[in-house]
Amino acid sequence: MNNRPVTKVLIADDETAIRNGLYTAVSWKELDMSVTGSARDGQEAWELINSTRPDIIITDIRMPRLSGLDLIELCRNHEIPCQFIILSGYDDFSYAQTAIRYGARAYILKPLNIDELTDILKSLKTELDKMNRDRLSDPSVYQTLQTSSKKLFLNQLIHNEFRYVSDIHKRMEDFPHRLSEKSYLVAVFSVTPEDAARIPSLSETVARSSLTILEPLLGEIWDSSSDQIVAILYLPDSGGSNAVKKHIQSLLSRLRQDLGIRISAGIGSSETELIHVSRSYTNALNALSYQIYETNQDIYDESVICQLPPVLSSNGIHTENLIDAIQKGDNKAIIHYCRDFFHSLLYVPMPPPSYIRGMSIYLVTDVQNSLRKQLTEDIGLFSEIPYKNINRFITLHQIEEWVTELLIEYSDLLSQYFQNHKNEVITNAKQYIHNHMNKKIQAEDVAAHVNLSTSYFTIYFKAKTGINFRDYVLKVKIEEAKRLLKTSGDNISQVAYAVGYDDYRSFYRAFKNYTGLTPSEYQTSERNEAL
């Protein structure tokens, strides 16, 4: 067994070509290193840093959400031991100074010189190996590292991060394990976050009981997150997956008796090769997601999965009455709409939970977009990101309750907003602008609409809103153009026409002056961020 831990490397760059190029161009095996993950932006990199704890991080200095410098500062503040190599396409010495001051070990300009990068990696590897030898002289430290390495491997296995079977077997040489190439399935045990927090040693308790009840079947069992425990279970010679279910039911009954909490289990597909662990794990999660319907069962397998396609698509969601109810502050109508909406999703008693969540996310997002078009200033109305909240709820009742309460909250906020802005001249003027978005809007036309002279109207508008009339019209048109470029699927010429520009070049100049990006650059950046 190789007792020397492989050096873990994380790659973070918003350019796909750079990420893929680094992965293939560097001889990682020869360096005795392993790329444990790659990130498309700084936030994703930070999440991977926390889950994989890399030894070396190769990161672009400029990325969406969090920069390379932000990552260095976060790691230092959270006392995460790692070495940074900064990449940059900007030959700016101030960046290099800042990076070095934050603790980066190297600063490399793009286009990258692979030989230069390899030399730096070799130097860092030598330092890290010496540090590891000193640490490993303590048996308890070595045991901790070995356990951590094994857990990382298992999480990579269920998330399909190995390309070849040989890579799996090589990593398995680094720690003792119970894995083998024979028929198995993955079981996922889930508890509510509240129960997981209430019992700090939950994963240890489940593992201890599993060693007794699942001993004949158990490959490996570990906590993949704070509220999810994963097990690789081998099928017995007789009984197959049905025999596994009986053992799992015995385990769940024991845990309910000992802990006083209900634990659900999802059972994945039967597989024969370890390279397919991720497939069984994904199937187990899919089956387990049906606990959204709060049935009395504890175990979910492929038999619960709905195979019938939905009858309602996002195109069939009409929110006009809902928007009207929100604007009028009619909470009863909002509740009634939500009740009917969620009832309409149940085309079968238990449709795919992903369908329920997806349609719920679409409803909230559509309402947000409709209301946003009517407001020209940020009033904190859209601080909730629907997919993050909806995807964390366990039951359908929780989703429906959250959506309903959020829409009522929108109604209350709008009511308060308009009470504070009871100026009919400005309200009517803004409404006129929104209603004539696809036309060239002149101050004299709006002034006539609100029965004021042009000169007085422009002065009055600036006094009440704090912004010049022309600047306001430009802001409204460009914000609408940004929304259409991001969501509508229209080409740039169609978007220009939709916001009142007959001349594409005029739209191009106005958009770039306002946003700093051309329309095509903005569209590309939004698509990349959504990936």
Protein backbone atom coordinates (compact mmCIF):
# COMPACT_ATOMS: atom_id res chain seq x y z
CA MET A 1 0.00 0.00 0.00
CA ASN A 2 1.23 3.49 -0.89
CA ASN A 3 1.21 5.51 2.34
CA ARG A 4 2.09 8.77 0.63
CA PRO A 5 -1.08 10.76 -0.07
CA VAL A 6 -1.55 11.95 -3.63
CA THR A 7 -1.38 15.74 -3.91
CA LYS A 8 -4.85 17.06 -4.67
CA VAL A 9 -5.25 19.89 -7.20
CA LEU A 10 -8.25 22.07 -7.95
CA ILE A 11 -8.55 24.02 -11.22
CA ALA A 12 -10.72 27.17 -11.31
CA ASP A 13 -11.17 29.18 -14.49
CA ASP A 14 -14.22 30.56 -16.29
CA GLU A 15 -12.75 29.52 -19.66
CA THR A 16 -13.63 25.94 -20.57
CA ALA A 17 -10.60 25.67 -22.86
CA ILE A 18 -8.25 26.56 -19.99
CA ARG A 19 -9.85 24.04 -17.60
CA ASN A 20 -9.81 21.22 -20.13
CA GLY A 21 -6.34 22.18 -21.36
CA LEU A 22 -4.81 22.06 -17.90
CA TYR A 23 -6.49 18.73 -17.20
CA THR A 24 -5.02 17.09 -20.31
CA ALA A 25 -1.74 18.97 -20.93
CA VAL A 26 -0.15 18.44 -17.51
CA SER A 27 1.22 14.96 -16.71
CA TRP A 28 -0.57 14.70 -13.38
CA LYS A 29 0.26 11.02 -12.81
CA GLU A 30 3.96 11.64 -13.32
CA LEU A 31 3.76 14.44 -10.77
CA ASP A 32 1.93 12.11 -8.36
CA MET A 33 -0.96 14.54 -8.34
CA SER A 34 -4.70 14.20 -8.89
CA VAL A 35 -7.15 16.82 -10.15
CA THR A 36 -10.03 16.48 -7.67
CA GLY A 37 -12.30 18.97 -9.41
CA SER A 38 -12.65 21.94 -11.73
CA ALA A 39 -14.77 25.06 -11.22
CA ARG A 40 -16.34 27.48 -13.68
CA ASP A 41 -16.42 30.43 -11.28
CA GLY A 42 -15.19 31.53 -7.89
CA GLN A 43 -18.28 30.49 -5.93
CA GLU A 44 -18.19 26.97 -7.36
CA ALA A 45 -14.47 26.83 -6.56
CA TRP A 46 -15.11 27.85 -2.95
CA GLU A 47 -17.70 25.08 -2.56
CA LEU A 48 -15.25 22.53 -4.01
CA ILE A 49 -12.49 23.78 -1.72
CA ASN A 50 -14.69 23.09 1.29
CA SER A 51 -15.71 19.62 0.07
CA THR A 52 -12.42 18.32 -1.40
CA ARG A 53 -9.77 20.25 0.58
CA PRO A 54 -7.19 20.48 -2.24
CA ASP A 55 -3.48 20.94 -1.56
CA ILE A 56 -2.92 23.19 -4.59
CA ILE A 57 -5.39 25.55 -6.28
CA ILE A 58 -4.73 26.82 -9.80
CA THR A 59 -7.09 29.74 -10.31
CA ASP A 60 -7.78 32.57 -12.71
CA ILE A 61 -7.49 35.95 -11.04
CA ARG A 62 -10.75 37.23 -12.60
CA MET A 63 -13.85 35.04 -12.43
CA PRO A 64 -17.60 35.57 -11.95
CA ARG A 65 -19.00 35.80 -8.40
CA LEU A 66 -15.64 35.37 -6.60
CA SER A 67 -12.19 36.26 -7.96
CA GLY A 68 -8.98 34.33 -7.44
CA LEU A 69 -7.93 36.93 -4.87
CA ASP A 70 -11.23 36.46 -3.05
CA LEU A 71 -10.54 32.71 -2.85
CA ILE A 72 -7.10 33.27 -1.36
CA GLU A 73 -8.52 35.61 1.26
CA LEU A 74 -11.35 33.21 2.12
CA CYS A 75 -8.95 30.29 2.56
CA ARG A 76 -6.68 32.35 4.79
CA ASN A 77 -9.59 33.62 6.90
CA HIS A 78 -10.96 30.08 7.32
CA GLU A 79 -7.46 28.66 7.97
CA ILE A 80 -7.67 26.22 5.05
CA PRO A 81 -4.11 25.06 4.27
CA CYS A 82 -3.49 25.17 0.51
CA GLN A 83 -1.10 26.67 -2.01
CA PHE A 84 -2.28 29.03 -4.77
CA ILE A 85 -1.04 29.44 -8.34
CA ILE A 86 -2.65 32.50 -9.93
CA LEU A 87 -3.37 32.71 -13.68
CA SER A 88 -4.08 35.98 -15.42
CA GLY A 89 -4.51 37.39 -18.89
CA TYR A 90 -3.71 40.85 -17.60
CA ASP A 91 -0.07 41.90 -17.47
CA ASP A 92 -0.70 44.20 -14.55
CA PHE A 93 1.88 44.27 -11.81
CA SER A 94 -0.66 45.47 -9.23
CA TYR A 95 -2.51 42.15 -9.52
CA ALA A 96 0.74 40.26 -9.01
CA GLN A 97 1.54 42.38 -5.97
CA THR A 98 -1.87 41.77 -4.44
CA ALA A 99 -1.74 38.03 -5.19
CA ILE A 100 1.71 37.65 -3.62
CA ARG A 101 0.67 39.76 -0.62
CA TYR A 102 -2.32 37.45 -0.10
CA GLY A 103 0.01 34.43 -0.16
CA ALA A 104 -0.01 33.12 -3.75
CA ARG A 105 3.08 31.05 -4.54
CA ALA A 106 3.19 31.90 -8.24
CA TYR A 107 1.65 34.28 -10.80
CA ILE A 108 1.52 33.03 -14.40
CA LEU A 109 0.36 35.03 -17.39
CA LYS A 110 -1.83 33.61 -20.13
CA PRO A 111 -1.27 32.05 -22.61
CA LEU A 112 0.15 29.47 -20.25
CA ASN A 113 3.57 27.93 -20.54
CA ILE A 114 3.00 24.30 -19.45
CA ASP A 115 6.69 23.71 -18.75
CA GLU A 116 6.76 26.74 -16.44
CA LEU A 117 3.63 25.53 -14.65
CA THR A 118 5.04 22.00 -14.33
CA ASP A 119 8.25 23.30 -12.73
CA ILE A 120 6.21 25.28 -10.20
CA LEU A 121 4.05 22.22 -9.41
CA LYS A 122 7.14 20.07 -8.88
CA SER A 123 8.56 22.62 -6.45
CA LEU A 124 5.31 22.80 -4.50
CA LYS A 125 5.05 19.01 -4.51
CA THR A 126 8.47 18.72 -2.89
CA GLU A 127 7.45 21.15 -0.14
CA LEU A 128 4.12 19.43 0.46
CA ASP A 129 5.69 15.96 0.62
CA LYS A 130 8.13 17.14 3.26
CA MET A 131 5.29 18.67 5.28
CA ASN A 132 3.28 15.46 4.93
CA ARG A 133 6.20 13.28 6.06
CA ASP A 134 6.51 15.39 9.19
CA ARG A 135 2.77 15.16 9.84
CA LEU A 136 2.55 11.45 9.10
CA SER A 137 5.11 10.67 11.78
CA ASP A 138 2.15 11.06 14.13
CA PRO A 139 -0.04 7.89 13.74
CA SER A 140 -3.25 9.73 14.66
CA VAL A 141 -2.65 12.33 11.95
CA TYR A 142 -1.98 9.60 9.39
CA GLN A 143 -5.21 7.82 10.35
CA THR A 144 -7.18 11.06 9.98
CA LEU A 145 -5.68 11.73 6.56
CA GLN A 146 -6.40 8.20 5.44
CA THR A 147 -10.04 8.46 6.54
CA SER A 148 -10.38 11.83 4.82
CA SER A 149 -8.84 10.46 1.63
CA LYS A 150 -11.20 7.51 1.63
CA LYS A 151 -14.27 9.71 2.08
CA LEU A 152 -13.14 11.98 -0.74
CA PHE A 153 -12.72 8.96 -3.00
CA LEU A 154 -16.19 7.64 -2.18
CA ASN A 155 -17.80 11.01 -2.86
CA GLN A 156 -15.95 11.23 -6.18
CA LEU A 157 -17.16 7.72 -6.98
CA ILE A 158 -20.87 8.53 -6.50
CA HIS A 159 -20.51 11.80 -8.44
CA ASN A 160 -18.95 10.08 -11.48
CA GLU A 161 -15.60 11.88 -11.32
CA PHE A 162 -13.50 8.93 -12.50
CA ARG A 163 -13.01 8.39 -16.22
CA TYR A 164 -11.36 4.97 -16.11
CA VAL A 165 -11.70 1.82 -13.98
CA SER A 166 -7.91 1.82 -13.55
CA ASP A 167 -8.10 5.22 -11.82
CA ILE A 168 -10.58 3.79 -9.31
CA HIS A 169 -8.41 0.78 -8.49
CA LYS A 170 -5.30 2.92 -8.14
CA ARG A 171 -7.00 5.19 -5.61
CA MET A 172 -8.30 2.17 -3.67
CA GLU A 173 -4.69 1.20 -2.92
CA ASP A 174 -4.38 4.20 -0.60
CA PHE A 175 -6.68 2.96 2.20
CA PRO A 176 -8.34 -0.21 3.56
CA HIS A 177 -11.79 -0.85 2.08
CA ARG A 178 -14.53 -3.46 1.58
CA LEU A 179 -15.17 -2.83 -2.10
CA SER A 180 -15.13 -5.48 -4.82
CA GLU A 181 -16.38 -6.05 -8.36
CA LYS A 182 -19.60 -7.97 -7.79
CA SER A 183 -23.32 -7.18 -7.95
CA TYR A 184 -24.27 -4.28 -5.68
CA LEU A 185 -26.62 -1.34 -5.31
CA VAL A 186 -26.42 2.05 -3.65
CA ALA A 187 -28.75 3.02 -0.82
CA VAL A 188 -29.18 6.63 0.27
CA PHE A 189 -30.45 7.33 3.79
CA SER A 190 -32.00 10.76 4.30
CA VAL A 191 -33.09 12.71 7.35
CA THR A 192 -34.42 16.22 7.76
CA PRO A 193 -31.78 18.89 8.45
CA GLU A 194 -33.49 19.49 11.81
CA ASP A 195 -33.08 15.85 12.88
CA ALA A 196 -29.50 15.77 11.60
CA ALA A 197 -28.67 18.83 13.73
CA ARG A 198 -30.44 17.35 16.76
CA ILE A 199 -28.28 14.21 16.74
CA PRO A 200 -24.65 15.25 16.15
CA SER A 201 -23.40 11.63 15.97
CA LEU A 202 -26.11 10.53 13.55
CA SER A 203 -23.78 9.19 10.85
CA GLU A 204 -21.73 7.24 13.40
CA THR A 205 -24.91 5.79 14.92
CA VAL A 206 -26.23 4.70 11.52
CA ALA A 207 -22.86 3.22 10.55
CA ARG A 208 -22.61 1.34 13.86
CA SER A 209 -26.09 -0.16 13.47
CA SER A 210 -25.37 -0.94 9.81
CA LEU A 211 -22.28 -2.92 10.70
CA THR A 212 -24.52 -5.21 12.75
CA ILE A 213 -27.63 -5.48 10.58
CA LEU A 214 -26.12 -5.11 7.11
CA GLU A 215 -22.85 -6.95 7.80
CA PRO A 216 -23.37 -9.70 5.17
CA LEU A 217 -24.06 -7.06 2.49
CA LEU A 218 -22.06 -4.01 3.50
CA GLY A 219 -19.41 -2.62 1.22
CA GLU A 220 -18.91 0.94 2.48
CA ILE A 221 -21.08 3.43 4.37
CA TRP A 222 -20.33 7.12 4.93
CA ASP A 223 -22.00 10.52 5.34
CA SER A 224 -21.89 12.36 2.01
CA SER A 225 -23.46 15.45 3.60
CA SER A 226 -24.81 16.54 6.97
CA ASP A 227 -28.25 15.01 6.29
CA GLN A 228 -27.44 12.20 3.83
CA ILE A 229 -25.73 8.86 4.39
CA VAL A 230 -24.71 6.63 1.47
CA ALA A 231 -24.10 2.88 1.50
CA ILE A 232 -22.77 0.51 -1.15
CA LEU A 233 -24.49 -2.83 -0.48
CA TYR A 234 -23.72 -6.14 -2.18
CA LEU A 235 -26.54 -8.40 -3.33
CA PRO A 236 -26.71 -11.78 -1.58
CA ASP A 237 -26.57 -15.02 -3.59
CA SER A 238 -30.31 -15.49 -3.09
CA GLY A 239 -33.06 -12.92 -2.82
CA GLY A 240 -31.28 -10.14 -4.71
CA SER A 241 -32.54 -6.61 -4.16
CA ASN A 242 -35.60 -7.84 -2.23
CA ALA A 243 -33.32 -9.35 0.40
CA VAL A 244 -31.44 -6.02 0.59
CA LYS A 245 -34.72 -4.19 1.19
CA LYS A 246 -35.56 -6.46 4.12
CA HIS A 247 -32.19 -5.74 5.73
CA ILE A 248 -32.63 -2.00 5.17
CA GLN A 249 -36.14 -2.09 6.67
CA SER A 250 -34.72 -3.80 9.76
CA LEU A 251 -32.06 -1.08 10.00
CA LEU A 252 -34.62 1.73 9.67
CA SER A 253 -36.85 0.16 12.34
CA ARG A 254 -33.89 -0.13 14.71
CA LEU A 255 -32.87 3.49 14.14
CA ARG A 256 -36.41 4.75 14.68
CA GLN A 257 -36.55 2.83 17.94
CA ASP A 258 -33.11 3.96 19.13
CA LEU A 259 -33.15 7.59 17.92
CA GLY A 260 -36.83 8.44 17.81
CA ILE A 261 -36.58 9.86 14.29
CA ARG A 262 -37.78 8.64 10.93
CA ILE A 263 -35.14 7.94 8.31
CA SER A 264 -36.04 7.28 4.67
CA ALA A 265 -34.01 5.27 2.21
CA GLY A 266 -33.74 5.36 -1.58
CA ILE A 267 -32.52 2.24 -3.38
CA GLY A 268 -30.68 2.50 -6.68
CA SER A 269 -30.24 0.16 -9.61
CA SER A 270 -28.27 -3.08 -9.37
CA GLU A 271 -24.81 -2.80 -10.95
CA THR A 272 -21.78 -5.04 -11.36
CA GLU A 273 -18.88 -2.60 -11.91
CA LEU A 274 -17.65 0.11 -9.54
CA ILE A 275 -17.42 2.58 -12.41
CA HIS A 276 -21.25 2.58 -12.39
CA VAL A 277 -21.69 3.49 -8.71
CA SER A 278 -22.80 6.98 -9.77
CA ARG A 279 -25.62 5.50 -11.88
CA SER A 280 -27.01 3.53 -8.95
CA TYR A 281 -26.59 6.57 -6.67
CA THR A 282 -28.49 8.83 -9.10
CA ASN A 283 -31.31 6.28 -9.34
CA ALA A 284 -31.46 6.07 -5.55
CA LEU A 285 -31.75 9.86 -5.27
CA ASN A 286 -34.47 9.90 -7.92
CA ALA A 287 -36.47 7.25 -6.06
CA LEU A 288 -35.90 8.95 -2.70
CA SER A 289 -37.18 12.26 -4.09
CA TYR A 290 -40.69 10.74 -4.07
CA GLN A 291 -40.79 11.20 -0.30
CA ILE A 292 -42.09 14.64 -1.31
CA TYR A 293 -45.57 13.05 -1.29
CA GLU A 294 -45.36 12.07 2.40
CA THR A 295 -46.43 8.46 1.97
CA ASN A 296 -46.16 6.07 4.88
CA GLN A 297 -43.35 4.07 3.29
CA ASP A 298 -39.75 4.27 4.44
CA ILE A 299 -38.07 2.74 1.38
CA TYR A 300 -38.28 4.06 -2.16
CA ASP A 301 -37.03 2.25 -5.24
CA GLU A 302 -37.64 2.35 -8.99
CA SER A 303 -41.18 1.01 -8.54
CA VAL A 304 -42.37 4.45 -7.35
CA ILE A 305 -40.92 6.38 -10.29
CA CYS A 306 -43.56 7.85 -12.60
CA GLN A 307 -43.12 6.98 -16.29
CA LEU A 308 -46.04 9.00 -17.70
CA PRO A 309 -45.10 12.37 -19.28
CA PRO A 310 -46.66 15.57 -17.84
CA VAL A 311 -49.76 17.05 -19.44
CA LEU A 312 -48.98 20.65 -18.45
CA SER A 313 -45.88 22.52 -19.63
CA SER A 314 -44.57 25.94 -18.68
CA ASN A 315 -46.34 27.35 -21.77
CA GLY A 316 -49.62 26.42 -20.10
CA ILE A 317 -48.97 28.53 -17.01
CA HIS A 318 -50.94 31.78 -17.22
CA THR A 319 -50.25 34.29 -14.47
CA GLU A 320 -52.39 37.26 -15.53
CA ASN A 321 -54.98 36.69 -12.79
CA LEU A 322 -52.25 36.03 -10.23
CA ILE A 323 -50.41 39.25 -11.12
CA ASP A 324 -53.69 41.15 -10.89
CA ALA A 325 -54.35 39.68 -7.43
CA ILE A 326 -50.82 40.60 -6.27
CA GLN A 327 -51.22 44.16 -7.50
CA LYS A 328 -54.61 44.51 -5.81
CA GLY A 329 -53.41 42.98 -2.55
CA ASP A 330 -56.04 40.22 -2.82
CA ASN A 331 -54.45 37.54 -0.64
CA LYS A 332 -57.48 35.24 -0.87
CA ALA A 333 -57.20 35.22 -4.65
CA ILE A 334 -53.47 34.48 -4.38
CA ILE A 335 -54.11 31.51 -2.09
CA HIS A 336 -56.86 30.24 -4.39
CA TYR A 337 -54.60 30.52 -7.46
CA CYS A 338 -51.76 28.63 -5.76
CA ARG A 339 -54.09 25.88 -4.58
CA ASP A 340 -55.42 25.41 -8.12
CA PHE A 341 -51.92 25.60 -9.61
CA PHE A 342 -50.47 22.83 -7.46
CA HIS A 343 -53.58 20.72 -7.94
CA SER A 344 -53.16 21.04 -11.72
CA LEU A 345 -49.65 19.60 -11.49
CA LEU A 346 -50.95 16.30 -10.10
CA TYR A 347 -51.84 14.72 -13.44
CA VAL A 348 -51.12 11.42 -11.66
CA PRO A 349 -51.11 10.88 -7.89
CA MET A 350 -47.30 11.06 -7.75
CA PRO A 351 -45.75 12.87 -10.78
CA PRO A 352 -41.96 13.24 -10.94
CA PRO A 353 -40.84 15.52 -8.09
CA SER A 354 -38.44 17.24 -10.48
CA TYR A 355 -41.49 18.28 -12.53
CA ILE A 356 -43.21 19.72 -9.45
CA ARG A 357 -40.11 21.65 -8.46
CA GLY A 358 -39.41 22.85 -12.01
CA MET A 359 -42.94 24.17 -12.55
CA SER A 360 -42.90 25.87 -9.14
CA ILE A 361 -39.61 27.57 -9.97
CA TYR A 362 -41.01 28.68 -13.33
CA LEU A 363 -44.12 30.16 -11.69
CA VAL A 364 -42.17 32.25 -9.17
CA THR A 365 -39.62 33.36 -11.79
CA ASP A 366 -42.38 34.37 -14.22
CA VAL A 367 -44.10 36.42 -11.52
CA GLN A 368 -40.81 38.08 -10.60
CA ASN A 369 -40.16 39.05 -14.22
CA SER A 370 -43.69 40.43 -14.65
CA LEU A 371 -43.46 42.55 -11.51
CA ARG A 372 -39.91 43.67 -12.25
CA LYS A 373 -41.07 45.20 -15.54
CA GLN A 374 -43.45 47.43 -13.60
CA LEU A 375 -40.85 48.69 -11.13
CA THR A 376 -37.88 50.83 -12.00
CA GLU A 377 -36.05 50.68 -8.70
CA ASP A 378 -34.87 47.94 -6.39
CA ILE A 379 -37.22 47.64 -3.40
CA GLY A 380 -35.80 44.33 -2.19
CA LEU A 381 -38.68 42.46 -3.81
CA PHE A 382 -36.69 39.73 -5.51
CA SER A 383 -34.07 38.77 -2.95
CA GLU A 384 -35.33 35.17 -2.95
CA ILE A 385 -33.81 32.92 -5.62
CA PRO A 386 -36.61 30.39 -6.22
CA TYR A 387 -34.61 27.31 -7.23
CA LYS A 388 -32.39 27.45 -4.14
CA ASN A 389 -35.36 27.46 -1.76
CA ILE A 390 -37.67 25.14 -3.65
CA ASN A 391 -34.99 22.49 -4.13
CA ARG A 392 -34.21 22.32 -0.41
CA PHE A 393 -37.78 21.50 0.68
CA ILE A 394 -38.60 17.86 1.32
CA THR A 395 -42.40 17.80 0.96
CA LEU A 396 -44.91 19.11 -1.56
CA HIS A 397 -46.76 20.86 1.27
CA GLN A 398 -43.60 22.82 2.15
CA ILE A 399 -43.14 23.91 -1.47
CA GLU A 400 -46.76 25.02 -1.86
CA GLU A 401 -46.69 26.85 1.46
CA TRP A 402 -43.43 28.65 0.62
CA VAL A 403 -44.61 29.72 -2.86
CA THR A 404 -47.95 30.97 -1.51
CA GLU A 405 -46.35 32.92 1.35
CA LEU A 406 -43.75 34.43 -0.98
CA LEU A 407 -46.40 35.70 -3.42
CA ILE A 408 -48.41 37.17 -0.53
CA GLU A 409 -45.21 38.86 0.66
CA TYR A 410 -44.77 40.33 -2.84
CA SER A 411 -48.32 41.67 -2.65
CA ASP A 412 -47.66 43.29 0.73
CA LEU A 413 -44.38 44.85 -0.45
CA LEU A 414 -46.00 46.23 -3.59
CA SER A 415 -48.85 47.68 -1.57
CA GLN A 416 -46.42 49.39 0.77
CA TYR A 417 -44.34 50.62 -2.17
CA PHE A 418 -47.27 52.23 -3.96
CA GLN A 419 -48.58 53.76 -0.75
CA ASN A 420 -45.26 55.56 -0.47
CA HIS A 421 -45.36 56.61 -4.11
CA LYS A 422 -48.87 58.01 -4.56
CA ASN A 423 -47.98 60.37 -7.38
CA GLU A 424 -50.39 59.80 -10.24
CA VAL A 425 -48.42 61.94 -12.69
CA ILE A 426 -45.25 59.89 -12.27
CA THR A 427 -47.14 56.59 -12.07
CA ASN A 428 -49.06 57.33 -15.28
CA ALA A 429 -45.91 58.54 -17.02
CA LYS A 430 -44.01 55.37 -16.13
CA GLN A 431 -46.94 53.20 -17.17
CA TYR A 432 -47.08 54.98 -20.54
CA ILE A 433 -43.36 54.30 -21.07
CA HIS A 434 -43.76 50.60 -20.25
CA ASN A 435 -46.81 50.31 -22.52
CA HIS A 436 -44.93 51.88 -25.46
CA MET A 437 -41.64 50.06 -24.99
CA ASN A 438 -41.41 49.13 -28.68
CA LYS A 439 -41.71 52.75 -29.87
CA LYS A 440 -39.50 55.81 -29.84
CA ILE A 441 -40.70 57.60 -26.71
CA GLN A 442 -40.60 61.41 -26.73
CA ALA A 443 -41.00 63.65 -23.68
CA GLU A 444 -43.73 65.66 -25.40
CA ASP A 445 -45.85 62.52 -25.95
CA VAL A 446 -45.65 61.52 -22.28
CA ALA A 447 -46.24 65.13 -21.15
CA ALA A 448 -49.41 65.27 -23.26
CA HIS A 449 -50.53 61.96 -21.74
CA VAL A 450 -50.32 63.41 -18.20
CA ASN A 451 -51.68 66.83 -19.24
CA LEU A 452 -48.53 68.87 -18.62
CA SER A 453 -46.34 71.03 -20.82
CA THR A 454 -43.16 69.37 -22.03
CA SER A 455 -40.80 71.73 -20.23
CA TYR A 456 -42.65 71.52 -16.90
CA PHE A 457 -43.05 67.74 -17.18
CA THR A 458 -39.30 67.10 -17.62
CA ILE A 459 -38.48 69.32 -14.62
CA TYR A 460 -41.22 67.69 -12.52
CA PHE A 461 -40.12 64.19 -13.51
CA LYS A 462 -36.51 64.86 -12.47
CA ALA A 463 -37.62 66.41 -9.17
CA LYS A 464 -39.82 63.46 -8.22
CA THR A 465 -37.68 60.57 -9.47
CA GLY A 466 -34.15 61.93 -9.19
CA ILE A 467 -33.36 60.96 -12.79
CA ASN A 468 -33.62 62.76 -16.11
CA PHE A 469 -36.50 61.66 -18.33
CA ARG A 470 -34.22 60.57 -21.20
CA ASP A 471 -31.97 58.62 -18.81
CA TYR A 472 -35.00 56.91 -17.31
CA VAL A 473 -36.33 55.84 -20.71
CA LEU A 474 -32.88 54.52 -21.64
CA LYS A 475 -32.66 52.60 -18.36
CA VAL A 476 -36.06 50.99 -18.84
CA LYS A 477 -35.34 50.00 -22.43
CA ILE A 478 -31.90 48.55 -21.74
CA GLU A 479 -33.09 46.63 -18.66
CA GLU A 480 -35.89 45.15 -20.77
CA ALA A 481 -33.38 44.34 -23.52
CA LYS A 482 -31.17 42.55 -20.98
CA ARG A 483 -34.12 40.48 -19.84
CA LEU A 484 -35.05 39.54 -23.41
CA LEU A 485 -31.46 38.67 -24.33
CA LYS A 486 -31.30 36.43 -21.30
CA THR A 487 -34.67 34.68 -21.49
CA SER A 488 -36.58 35.15 -24.75
CA GLY A 489 -34.47 33.33 -27.33
CA ASP A 490 -34.93 36.25 -29.78
CA ASN A 491 -31.97 37.37 -31.84
CA ILE A 492 -30.38 40.73 -31.16
CA SER A 493 -32.17 42.51 -34.02
CA GLN A 494 -35.54 41.30 -32.72
CA VAL A 495 -34.64 42.49 -29.21
CA ALA A 496 -33.60 45.90 -30.57
CA TYR A 497 -36.94 46.25 -32.36
CA ALA A 498 -38.86 45.12 -29.23
CA VAL A 499 -37.42 48.02 -27.24
CA GLY A 500 -38.02 50.66 -29.90
CA TYR A 501 -34.76 50.75 -31.90
CA ASP A 502 -35.27 50.59 -35.67
CA ASP A 503 -31.52 50.96 -36.24
CA TYR A 504 -29.42 48.06 -34.91
CA ARG A 505 -26.30 50.25 -34.68
CA SER A 506 -28.06 52.75 -32.43
CA PHE A 507 -29.18 49.92 -30.15
CA TYR A 508 -25.66 48.46 -30.16
CA ARG A 509 -24.10 51.79 -29.07
CA ALA A 510 -26.76 52.51 -26.44
CA PHE A 511 -26.49 49.01 -24.95
CA LYS A 512 -22.70 49.06 -24.77
CA ASN A 513 -22.58 52.57 -23.30
CA TYR A 514 -25.07 51.54 -20.62
CA THR A 515 -23.74 48.07 -19.71
CA GLY A 516 -20.11 48.14 -20.82
CA LEU A 517 -20.79 45.05 -22.96
CA THR A 518 -22.06 44.54 -26.48
CA PRO A 519 -25.44 42.75 -26.74
CA SER A 520 -23.75 39.54 -27.92
CA GLU A 521 -21.15 39.69 -25.12
CA TYR A 522 -23.90 40.12 -22.53
CA GLN A 523 -25.93 37.23 -23.97
CA THR A 524 -22.87 34.96 -23.96
CA SER A 525 -21.93 35.85 -20.37
CA GLU A 526 -25.47 35.14 -19.12
CA ARG A 527 -25.56 31.78 -20.87
CA ASN A 528 -22.17 30.80 -19.40
CA GLU A 529 -23.31 31.78 -15.90
CA ALA A 530 -26.43 29.61 -16.27
CA LEU A 531 -24.35 26.52 -17.13
